[in-house]
């Protein structure tokens, strides 16, 4: 049965003022939730309310440890509802339930981490260079906007919301149109934790309407965006007109490198996880596997055998490895890329189609797919597919390998599988990516900064200093001189 839901907008639970729409469960296409899309007028109302709320003593005068207390309560609120939230996210985007639980746990850990960061916040007494005392303080930017994706909503929203609140900002969240539920539930948890009315608003709806109005609003002081590269470029252009800081986590075409001395069991498991977990719907998916020619055939044989054992199934089942793609439309995009790869001369090793029968026919399922025989210059090896499609490429010369890995518009992440720590360091330093995994893949820590280079992004998220991205720095000079300044003396 479809559930009618409202959103927290300008301090009140209500319907947004745009048209009603429904979200669908990718497993079978059934309607999950009915809600109203926001409008540009809703954006203005939410931002104006946030601007007023952030100035009130109930928020503006909170000390760092008091904001930390709110964030700790939010972390606990997420944990208290962990299973419920995981099931709701499963219905939103079709991720397997185990992945959903991990993302919920990650969100709770994010609020806990930034609570600790807020609790231990220190300003800087800078070295004086004269008869004066100098210091630097950080003040909240004001009202900030967060625009989040559909593939891992609760984790992405937490990574923006937690540091913004820790810094003392108010935040307006624009979740992906098709996955609004997690942001709405985080707003509910924030309200129950004691965050004042108006400090958090959630505006579901189309990016072309809500996101555009949010970025353009004169009171928005920062945008944190996770999503497609073309949308990110548009945001950056608008931000430049306002001299507004942004963080943009964009696309990826991440290489994973298997060296001649790699432990093949570990490498196969890591490459498998890197591309096929989350059904490949991940910006950091390891979609290009460069395998040393000397181990290419045994690696391929082990990889294909492991793919055969992956369970593409109902995301509600505990045993499921891969659930459906987020929508039928997105599956068609993935299918076009696979056909493009075959037209470019690629050889299909496995997958390349839809599973048949039962609920497979109702949902947006697609099989894990491996293609070989393509050059790194092929479009399928250059463009982000955002699906369970892996290109296998052999390599022999290290310099040529690095050149091929870096010969891409994207630079988000990479992986290296080797027993040689010196080779790992040498190759890792040469790769043009924001993150390098060595003998592991797709592991994250909120304490470690995350960013991309080239068309994969701008700015950083996560890490202890993540709070500072939601602040502006102000310097103080305290005169200690006993005599008046000498400039006007004769």
Protein backbone atom coordinates (compact mmCIF):
# COMPACT_ATOMS: atom_id res chain seq x y z
CA UNK A 1 0.00 0.00 0.00
CA UNK A 2 1.33 3.43 -0.95
CA UNK A 3 2.20 5.59 2.05
CA UNK A 4 1.47 9.29 1.94
CA UNK A 5 4.33 11.26 3.47
CA UNK A 6 5.03 14.91 4.20
CA UNK A 7 8.27 16.80 4.56
CA UNK A 8 9.78 19.19 7.09
CA UNK A 9 9.69 22.59 5.42
CA UNK A 10 10.47 25.87 7.17
CA UNK A 11 9.84 24.37 10.59
CA UNK A 12 6.53 22.64 9.80
CA UNK A 13 5.56 19.15 8.66
CA UNK A 14 3.48 19.69 5.55
CA UNK A 15 3.06 18.93 1.88
CA UNK A 16 5.30 20.87 -0.44
CA UNK A 17 3.32 23.08 -2.78
CA UNK A 18 4.13 21.33 -6.07
CA UNK A 19 2.38 18.41 -7.75
CA UNK A 20 1.99 15.04 -6.08
CA UNK A 21 4.12 12.17 -7.31
CA UNK A 22 4.92 8.60 -6.27
CA UNK A 23 8.18 6.76 -5.76
CA UNK A 24 8.60 3.17 -6.93
CA UNK A 25 10.28 0.09 -5.50
CA UNK A 26 12.81 -1.00 -8.16
CA UNK A 27 12.28 -4.66 -7.23
CA UNK A 28 8.81 -4.83 -8.75
CA UNK A 29 7.80 -1.34 -9.82
CA UNK A 30 5.20 -1.03 -7.08
CA UNK A 31 4.37 2.42 -5.69
CA UNK A 32 5.99 3.00 -2.30
CA UNK A 33 5.35 6.58 -1.22
CA UNK A 34 3.23 9.49 -2.38
CA UNK A 35 4.38 13.03 -1.66
CA UNK A 36 4.40 16.50 -3.16
CA UNK A 37 7.31 18.03 -5.04
CA UNK A 38 8.69 21.34 -3.87
CA UNK A 39 8.62 24.55 -5.91
CA UNK A 40 10.87 27.58 -6.19
CA UNK A 41 8.52 29.32 -3.74
CA UNK A 42 9.08 26.49 -1.24
CA UNK A 43 12.83 26.95 -1.64
CA UNK A 44 12.56 30.62 -0.81
CA UNK A 45 10.33 29.91 2.20
CA UNK A 46 12.70 27.27 3.55
CA UNK A 47 15.81 29.42 3.05
CA UNK A 48 14.21 32.51 4.59
CA UNK A 49 13.07 30.47 7.60
CA UNK A 50 16.55 28.97 7.94
CA UNK A 51 18.14 32.42 7.84
CA UNK A 52 15.90 33.58 10.66
CA UNK A 53 16.30 30.40 12.71
CA UNK A 54 20.10 30.41 12.55
CA UNK A 55 20.24 33.91 14.05
CA UNK A 56 18.10 33.08 17.07
CA UNK A 57 19.91 32.47 20.37
CA UNK A 58 18.58 28.90 20.52
CA UNK A 59 20.99 28.09 17.69
CA UNK A 60 23.42 30.98 17.30
CA UNK A 61 24.55 30.97 20.92
CA UNK A 62 25.01 27.24 21.30
CA UNK A 63 28.51 26.36 22.39
CA UNK A 64 30.42 23.72 20.50
CA UNK A 65 29.84 21.06 23.14
CA UNK A 66 26.12 21.79 23.11
CA UNK A 67 25.93 21.26 19.35
CA UNK A 68 27.95 18.11 19.90
CA UNK A 69 25.22 16.90 22.25
CA UNK A 70 22.61 17.37 19.53
CA UNK A 71 24.71 15.39 17.07
CA UNK A 72 25.24 12.59 19.58
CA UNK A 73 21.47 12.40 20.02
CA UNK A 74 21.03 12.24 16.27
CA UNK A 75 23.53 9.38 16.05
CA UNK A 76 21.61 7.53 18.73
CA UNK A 77 18.31 8.33 17.04
CA UNK A 78 19.57 6.69 13.85
CA UNK A 79 20.74 3.63 15.76
CA UNK A 80 17.42 3.36 17.60
CA UNK A 81 15.63 3.17 14.24
CA UNK A 82 18.38 1.36 12.33
CA UNK A 83 16.38 -1.56 10.95
CA UNK A 84 13.39 0.59 10.06
CA UNK A 85 15.63 3.06 8.21
CA UNK A 86 17.43 0.27 6.37
CA UNK A 87 14.15 -1.19 5.17
CA UNK A 88 12.92 2.23 4.04
CA UNK A 89 16.08 2.82 2.03
CA UNK A 90 15.69 -0.62 0.45
CA UNK A 91 12.24 0.42 -0.75
CA UNK A 92 13.58 3.76 -1.98
CA UNK A 93 16.36 2.52 -4.24
CA UNK A 94 16.40 -1.28 -4.25
CA UNK A 95 19.75 -1.82 -2.54
CA UNK A 96 20.19 -5.21 -0.85
CA UNK A 97 19.20 -5.03 2.79
CA UNK A 98 22.70 -5.78 4.04
CA UNK A 99 24.08 -2.78 2.16
CA UNK A 100 21.27 -0.63 3.50
CA UNK A 101 22.12 -1.61 7.07
CA UNK A 102 25.76 -0.74 6.48
CA UNK A 103 24.80 2.68 5.11
CA UNK A 104 22.56 3.40 8.08
CA UNK A 105 25.38 2.45 10.44
CA UNK A 106 27.71 4.70 8.46
CA UNK A 107 25.30 7.63 8.83
CA UNK A 108 25.14 7.14 12.60
CA UNK A 109 28.94 7.02 12.72
CA UNK A 110 29.14 10.24 10.73
CA UNK A 111 27.05 12.15 13.26
CA UNK A 112 29.06 10.62 16.10
CA UNK A 113 32.34 11.63 14.47
CA UNK A 114 31.29 15.24 13.92
CA UNK A 115 29.91 15.41 17.43
CA UNK A 116 33.39 14.54 18.64
CA UNK A 117 34.93 17.04 16.23
CA UNK A 118 32.61 19.78 17.50
CA UNK A 119 33.30 18.86 21.12
CA UNK A 120 37.05 19.23 20.62
CA UNK A 121 36.95 22.27 18.31
CA UNK A 122 39.95 24.54 18.84
CA UNK A 123 40.67 27.98 17.44
CA UNK A 124 44.17 29.10 16.54
CA UNK A 125 46.51 31.46 18.35
CA UNK A 126 48.86 32.43 15.52
CA UNK A 127 52.49 33.47 15.97
CA UNK A 128 52.65 37.26 16.40
CA UNK A 129 55.12 39.27 14.34
CA UNK A 130 55.05 42.45 16.33
CA UNK A 131 53.74 44.11 19.47
CA UNK A 132 50.34 42.49 19.13
CA UNK A 133 48.52 39.19 19.70
CA UNK A 134 47.00 37.41 16.69
CA UNK A 135 44.34 34.74 16.55
CA UNK A 136 42.01 33.10 14.03
CA UNK A 137 38.42 32.00 14.63
CA UNK A 138 35.87 30.21 12.46
CA UNK A 139 32.24 31.30 12.17
CA UNK A 140 29.36 29.45 10.49
CA UNK A 141 28.71 30.38 6.88
CA UNK A 142 24.97 30.70 7.39
CA UNK A 143 22.38 28.77 5.36
CA UNK A 144 23.84 26.03 3.18
CA UNK A 145 22.32 23.74 0.58
CA UNK A 146 22.86 20.01 0.13
CA UNK A 147 21.92 18.21 -3.09
CA UNK A 148 22.15 14.44 -2.72
CA UNK A 149 21.99 11.38 -5.04
CA UNK A 150 19.76 8.33 -5.20
CA UNK A 151 22.39 5.62 -4.90
CA UNK A 152 23.40 5.98 -1.21
CA UNK A 153 21.12 8.69 0.16
CA UNK A 154 21.36 8.32 3.92
CA UNK A 155 25.17 8.18 3.92
CA UNK A 156 25.53 11.10 1.51
CA UNK A 157 23.02 13.23 3.39
CA UNK A 158 24.70 12.53 6.72
CA UNK A 159 28.10 13.52 5.29
CA UNK A 160 26.70 16.94 4.45
CA UNK A 161 24.25 17.48 7.27
CA UNK A 162 26.50 16.51 10.19
CA UNK A 163 29.42 18.91 9.54
CA UNK A 164 27.02 21.70 8.59
CA UNK A 165 25.16 21.42 11.90
CA UNK A 166 28.41 20.95 13.81
CA UNK A 167 29.63 24.25 12.35
CA UNK A 168 26.45 26.05 13.38
CA UNK A 169 24.88 26.39 9.92
CA UNK A 170 21.29 25.86 8.89
CA UNK A 171 20.78 23.43 6.02
CA UNK A 172 18.26 22.92 3.24
CA UNK A 173 18.48 19.43 1.73
CA UNK A 174 17.34 18.61 -1.79
CA UNK A 175 17.31 14.78 -2.04
CA UNK A 176 17.08 12.95 -5.34
CA UNK A 177 13.53 13.07 -6.61
CA UNK A 178 13.13 9.29 -6.62
CA UNK A 179 14.71 8.68 -3.18
CA UNK A 180 13.43 11.37 -0.78
CA UNK A 181 12.74 9.21 2.24
CA UNK A 182 16.09 9.16 4.01
CA UNK A 183 16.49 12.94 4.08
CA UNK A 184 12.97 13.31 5.44
CA UNK A 185 13.66 10.76 8.19
CA UNK A 186 16.95 12.46 9.09
CA UNK A 187 15.03 15.72 9.46
CA UNK A 188 12.60 13.93 11.80
CA UNK A 189 15.50 12.57 13.85
CA UNK A 190 17.06 16.05 14.00
CA UNK A 191 13.79 17.49 15.29
CA UNK A 192 13.51 14.80 17.98
CA UNK A 193 17.15 15.43 18.96
CA UNK A 194 16.34 19.06 19.69
CA UNK A 195 17.55 20.87 16.58
CA UNK A 196 15.47 24.09 16.51
CA UNK A 197 12.63 24.56 14.02
CA UNK A 198 13.75 25.96 10.67
CA UNK A 199 17.37 24.85 10.93
CA UNK A 200 16.71 21.77 8.75
CA UNK A 201 14.36 21.65 5.75
CA UNK A 202 13.96 18.93 3.13
CA UNK A 203 12.70 19.79 -0.36
CA UNK A 204 11.93 16.79 -2.59
CA UNK A 205 11.40 17.27 -6.29
CA UNK A 206 13.15 17.83 -9.59
CA UNK A 207 16.69 19.12 -9.67
CA UNK A 208 15.86 21.45 -12.52
CA UNK A 209 13.32 23.18 -10.27
CA UNK A 210 14.37 22.75 -6.65
CA UNK A 211 18.11 22.36 -7.10
CA UNK A 212 18.36 25.29 -9.47
CA UNK A 213 16.39 27.59 -7.15
CA UNK A 214 18.50 26.49 -4.19
CA UNK A 215 21.81 27.17 -5.91
CA UNK A 216 20.63 30.57 -7.17
CA UNK A 217 19.14 31.77 -3.87
CA UNK A 218 21.06 34.81 -2.60
CA UNK A 219 21.01 33.63 1.02
CA UNK A 220 22.58 30.24 0.28
CA UNK A 221 26.25 30.47 1.27
CA UNK A 222 27.49 27.06 0.15
CA UNK A 223 26.36 24.07 -1.93
CA UNK A 224 27.46 20.50 -1.21
CA UNK A 225 26.57 18.33 -4.20
CA UNK A 226 26.92 14.65 -5.02
CA UNK A 227 25.77 13.57 -8.45
CA UNK A 228 26.46 13.72 -12.16
CA UNK A 229 29.34 15.67 -13.64
CA UNK A 230 27.28 17.77 -16.05
CA UNK A 231 24.96 18.92 -13.26
CA UNK A 232 27.99 19.65 -11.10
CA UNK A 233 29.52 21.81 -13.81
CA UNK A 234 26.28 23.79 -14.00
CA UNK A 235 26.29 24.31 -10.24
CA UNK A 236 29.88 25.50 -10.33
CA UNK A 237 29.07 28.05 -13.03
CA UNK A 238 26.21 29.46 -10.98
CA UNK A 239 28.34 29.41 -7.82
CA UNK A 240 31.03 31.43 -9.56
CA UNK A 241 28.54 34.25 -10.13
CA UNK A 242 27.98 34.43 -6.37
CA UNK A 243 31.57 33.68 -5.33
CA UNK A 244 29.98 30.82 -3.38
CA UNK A 245 32.08 27.86 -2.20
CA UNK A 246 31.04 24.38 -3.27
CA UNK A 247 32.00 20.76 -2.82
CA UNK A 248 31.24 18.62 -5.85
CA UNK A 249 31.50 14.84 -5.70
CA UNK A 250 30.95 13.81 -9.30
CA UNK A 251 31.46 10.85 -11.61
CA UNK A 252 34.18 8.26 -11.88
CA UNK A 253 35.70 5.65 -14.15
CA UNK A 254 37.97 4.12 -11.56
CA UNK A 255 40.83 1.79 -12.55
CA UNK A 256 41.79 -1.25 -10.51
CA UNK A 257 45.24 -2.66 -11.14
CA UNK A 258 46.19 -6.31 -10.65
CA UNK A 259 49.97 -6.74 -10.58
CA UNK A 260 51.86 -9.89 -11.53
CA UNK A 261 52.59 -10.71 -7.87
CA UNK A 262 49.07 -10.08 -6.58
CA UNK A 263 47.28 -12.57 -4.36
CA UNK A 264 44.66 -13.56 -6.93
CA UNK A 265 42.10 -14.68 -4.38
CA UNK A 266 42.20 -11.25 -2.75
CA UNK A 267 42.32 -9.46 -6.09
CA UNK A 268 39.34 -11.33 -7.54
CA UNK A 269 37.27 -10.72 -4.41
CA UNK A 270 38.21 -7.04 -4.39
CA UNK A 271 37.53 -6.41 -8.06
CA UNK A 272 34.23 -8.28 -7.76
CA UNK A 273 33.18 -6.17 -4.79
CA UNK A 274 34.42 -2.96 -6.36
CA UNK A 275 32.25 -3.20 -9.46
CA UNK A 276 29.28 -5.41 -8.63
CA UNK A 277 28.33 -4.37 -5.10
CA UNK A 278 25.56 -1.78 -5.21
CA UNK A 279 24.90 -3.19 -8.72
CA UNK A 280 27.69 -0.94 -9.92
CA UNK A 281 25.63 2.15 -9.09
CA UNK A 282 28.51 3.86 -7.38
CA UNK A 283 30.75 6.77 -8.36
CA UNK A 284 33.78 4.83 -7.10
CA UNK A 285 32.94 1.57 -8.88
CA UNK A 286 36.11 -0.09 -10.15
CA UNK A 287 34.86 -0.34 -13.72
CA UNK A 288 38.25 -0.72 -15.48
CA UNK A 289 40.34 -3.71 -14.37
CA UNK A 290 43.91 -3.61 -15.67
CA UNK A 291 45.37 -7.11 -15.16
CA UNK A 292 49.03 -7.96 -15.77
CA UNK A 293 49.38 -10.11 -18.87
CA UNK A 294 51.21 -12.85 -16.95
CA UNK A 295 48.18 -13.49 -14.71
CA UNK A 296 45.42 -12.28 -17.03
CA UNK A 297 44.02 -15.70 -17.98
CA UNK A 298 44.01 -17.25 -14.48
CA UNK A 299 42.55 -14.04 -13.05
CA UNK A 300 39.83 -14.01 -15.70
CA UNK A 301 38.93 -17.64 -15.04
CA UNK A 302 38.63 -17.06 -11.30
CA UNK A 303 36.68 -13.85 -11.78
CA UNK A 304 34.12 -15.44 -14.11
CA UNK A 305 33.68 -18.37 -11.75
CA UNK A 306 33.06 -15.94 -8.89
CA UNK A 307 30.54 -13.94 -10.95
CA UNK A 308 28.60 -17.15 -11.55
CA UNK A 309 28.12 -17.45 -7.79
CA UNK A 310 26.71 -13.94 -7.33
CA UNK A 311 23.06 -13.96 -6.35
CA UNK A 312 21.02 -11.39 -8.28
CA UNK A 313 17.82 -11.44 -6.30
CA UNK A 314 15.17 -9.73 -4.20
CA UNK A 315 16.95 -7.04 -2.14
CA UNK A 316 14.91 -8.05 0.91
CA UNK A 317 16.74 -11.40 1.07
CA UNK A 318 19.76 -11.65 3.34
CA UNK A 319 21.64 -13.72 0.75
CA UNK A 320 21.32 -11.22 -2.11
CA UNK A 321 24.52 -9.79 -3.59
CA UNK A 322 22.93 -7.63 -6.29
CA UNK A 323 19.46 -6.16 -6.31
CA UNK A 324 17.78 -4.31 -9.18
CA UNK A 325 19.04 -1.14 -10.79
CA UNK A 326 17.28 1.96 -9.56
CA UNK A 327 14.83 2.21 -12.47
CA UNK A 328 13.94 0.74 -15.84
CA UNK A 329 15.11 3.94 -17.53
CA UNK A 330 18.54 3.62 -15.93
CA UNK A 331 18.72 -0.04 -16.93
CA UNK A 332 18.13 1.00 -20.54
CA UNK A 333 21.09 3.37 -20.25
CA UNK A 334 23.29 0.53 -18.99
CA UNK A 335 22.08 -1.71 -21.81
CA UNK A 336 22.99 0.92 -24.40
CA UNK A 337 26.53 1.10 -23.04
CA UNK A 338 26.94 -2.66 -23.14
CA UNK A 339 25.75 -2.74 -26.75
CA UNK A 340 28.12 0.13 -27.53
CA UNK A 341 31.00 -1.90 -26.07
CA UNK A 342 30.09 -4.88 -28.25
CA UNK A 343 29.77 -2.65 -31.31
CA UNK A 344 33.24 -1.28 -30.53
CA UNK A 345 34.65 -4.80 -30.75
CA UNK A 346 34.36 -6.02 -27.17
CA UNK A 347 33.79 -9.70 -26.34
CA UNK A 348 31.07 -10.51 -23.85
CA UNK A 349 32.37 -12.91 -21.20
CA UNK A 350 29.28 -13.03 -19.00
CA UNK A 351 26.02 -11.20 -18.35
CA UNK A 352 24.96 -8.63 -20.88
CA UNK A 353 21.24 -9.06 -20.31
CA UNK A 354 18.28 -9.19 -17.98
CA UNK A 355 17.49 -12.19 -15.79
CA UNK A 356 14.20 -13.74 -16.81
CA UNK A 357 11.05 -14.92 -15.02
CA UNK A 358 9.11 -14.10 -11.88
CA UNK A 359 9.90 -10.80 -10.21
CA UNK A 360 12.81 -10.26 -12.58
CA UNK A 361 10.26 -9.36 -15.24
CA UNK A 362 8.63 -6.76 -13.01
CA UNK A 363 11.75 -5.08 -11.63
CA UNK A 364 14.74 -3.36 -13.20
CA UNK A 365 17.26 -6.19 -12.83
CA UNK A 366 20.44 -6.58 -14.87
CA UNK A 367 23.10 -9.28 -14.76
CA UNK A 368 26.73 -8.67 -13.77
CA UNK A 369 28.59 -8.14 -17.02
CA UNK A 370 32.25 -8.54 -18.00
CA UNK A 371 33.63 -7.47 -21.38
CA UNK A 372 37.17 -7.88 -22.71
CA UNK A 373 38.98 -6.99 -25.91
CA UNK A 374 38.39 -3.24 -25.82
CA UNK A 375 41.13 -0.63 -25.90
CA UNK A 376 41.22 1.92 -23.11
CA UNK A 377 40.20 4.50 -25.72
CA UNK A 378 36.79 2.86 -26.29
CA UNK A 379 33.82 4.88 -25.09
CA UNK A 380 32.76 2.06 -22.78
CA UNK A 381 36.14 2.40 -21.07
CA UNK A 382 36.02 6.18 -20.88
CA UNK A 383 32.46 7.07 -19.88
CA UNK A 384 30.72 6.37 -16.59
CA UNK A 385 28.09 3.65 -16.97
CA UNK A 386 26.92 3.52 -13.34
CA UNK A 387 25.98 -0.11 -13.61
CA UNK A 388 27.40 -3.64 -13.15
CA UNK A 389 29.68 -3.57 -16.18
CA UNK A 390 33.41 -4.35 -15.98
CA UNK A 391 36.00 -3.89 -18.73
CA UNK A 392 38.99 -6.23 -18.50
CA UNK A 393 42.24 -4.87 -19.96
CA UNK A 394 45.69 -6.56 -19.95
CA UNK A 395 48.88 -4.61 -19.25
CA UNK A 396 52.64 -5.27 -19.31
CA UNK A 397 54.61 -2.03 -19.00
CA UNK A 398 54.15 0.04 -15.81
CA UNK A 399 54.62 3.40 -17.47
CA UNK A 400 52.06 2.54 -20.13
CA UNK A 401 49.70 1.25 -17.44
CA UNK A 402 49.84 4.53 -15.52
CA UNK A 403 49.34 6.51 -18.72
CA UNK A 404 46.25 4.46 -19.56
CA UNK A 405 44.80 4.74 -16.06
CA UNK A 406 45.25 8.51 -16.11
CA UNK A 407 44.01 8.90 -19.67
CA UNK A 408 40.46 9.65 -18.59
CA UNK A 409 38.40 12.71 -17.76
CA UNK A 410 37.65 11.29 -14.32
CA UNK A 411 39.91 10.87 -11.30
CA UNK A 412 37.91 9.75 -8.30
CA UNK A 413 39.36 6.47 -7.04
CA UNK A 414 41.67 3.58 -7.90
CA UNK A 415 42.81 0.23 -6.56
CA UNK A 416 46.11 -1.65 -6.60
CA UNK A 417 46.63 -5.35 -5.89
CA UNK A 418 50.24 -6.30 -5.19
CA UNK A 419 52.49 -7.81 -2.53
CA UNK A 420 55.17 -5.20 -3.28
CA UNK A 421 54.65 -2.19 -1.01
CA UNK A 422 57.19 -0.14 -2.95
CA UNK A 423 55.34 -0.75 -6.22
CA UNK A 424 52.04 0.12 -4.56
CA UNK A 425 53.48 3.41 -3.32
CA UNK A 426 55.09 4.23 -6.66
CA UNK A 427 51.99 3.46 -8.73
CA UNK A 428 49.61 5.00 -6.21
CA UNK A 429 51.47 8.30 -6.18
CA UNK A 430 51.44 8.38 -9.99
CA UNK A 431 47.69 7.78 -10.32
CA UNK A 432 45.57 10.91 -10.75
CA UNK A 433 42.82 9.99 -8.30
CA UNK A 434 41.58 11.35 -5.01
CA UNK A 435 41.59 7.94 -3.29
CA UNK A 436 43.89 4.93 -3.71
CA UNK A 437 43.05 1.57 -2.19
CA UNK A 438 45.87 -0.96 -1.82
CA UNK A 439 44.91 -4.63 -1.45
CA UNK A 440 41.36 -3.62 -0.62
CA UNK A 441 38.62 -1.63 -2.27
CA UNK A 442 35.56 0.50 -1.54
CA UNK A 443 36.25 0.82 2.18
CA UNK A 444 35.59 4.18 3.81
CA UNK A 445 36.24 6.04 7.02
CA UNK A 446 34.48 9.28 7.94
CA UNK A 447 37.77 10.40 9.49
CA UNK A 448 39.56 10.36 6.10
CA UNK A 449 38.96 13.16 3.57
CA UNK A 450 37.31 12.22 0.28
CA UNK A 451 37.67 14.12 -2.98
CA UNK A 452 38.19 13.73 -6.68
CA UNK A 453 40.34 15.38 -9.31
CA UNK A 454 39.65 16.41 -12.91
CA UNK A 455 35.96 15.89 -13.76
CA UNK A 456 35.40 13.79 -10.64
CA UNK A 457 34.95 16.75 -8.39
CA UNK A 458 36.02 19.82 -6.56
CA UNK A 459 36.53 20.37 -2.85
CA UNK A 460 36.45 17.76 -0.11
CA UNK A 461 34.07 16.01 2.23
CA UNK A 462 34.64 14.04 5.43
CA UNK A 463 37.61 14.23 7.75
CA UNK A 464 38.02 16.24 10.93
CA UNK A 465 38.50 19.44 8.94
CA UNK A 466 35.20 18.86 7.14
CA UNK A 467 33.55 21.20 9.62
CA UNK A 468 35.76 24.05 8.46
CA UNK A 469 34.31 23.89 4.94
CA UNK A 470 31.06 25.19 6.48
CA UNK A 471 32.76 28.14 8.14
CA UNK A 472 34.51 31.36 7.21
CA UNK A 473 37.71 32.34 8.92
CA UNK A 474 38.11 35.63 10.77
CA UNK A 475 41.36 37.02 12.12
CA UNK A 476 41.85 39.16 15.23
CA UNK A 477 44.77 41.46 16.07
CA UNK A 478 45.08 42.60 19.71
CA UNK A 479 47.39 45.53 20.19
CA UNK A 480 49.77 45.16 23.12
CA UNK A 481 51.75 48.36 22.58
CA UNK A 482 51.87 50.80 25.49
CA UNK A 483 52.48 53.88 23.33
CA UNK A 484 50.15 55.10 20.55
CA UNK A 485 50.86 53.99 17.01
CA UNK A 486 53.76 56.11 15.78
CA UNK A 487 52.59 56.81 12.22
CA UNK A 488 51.16 60.30 12.79
CA UNK A 489 54.01 61.53 14.94
CA UNK A 490 56.24 64.26 13.56
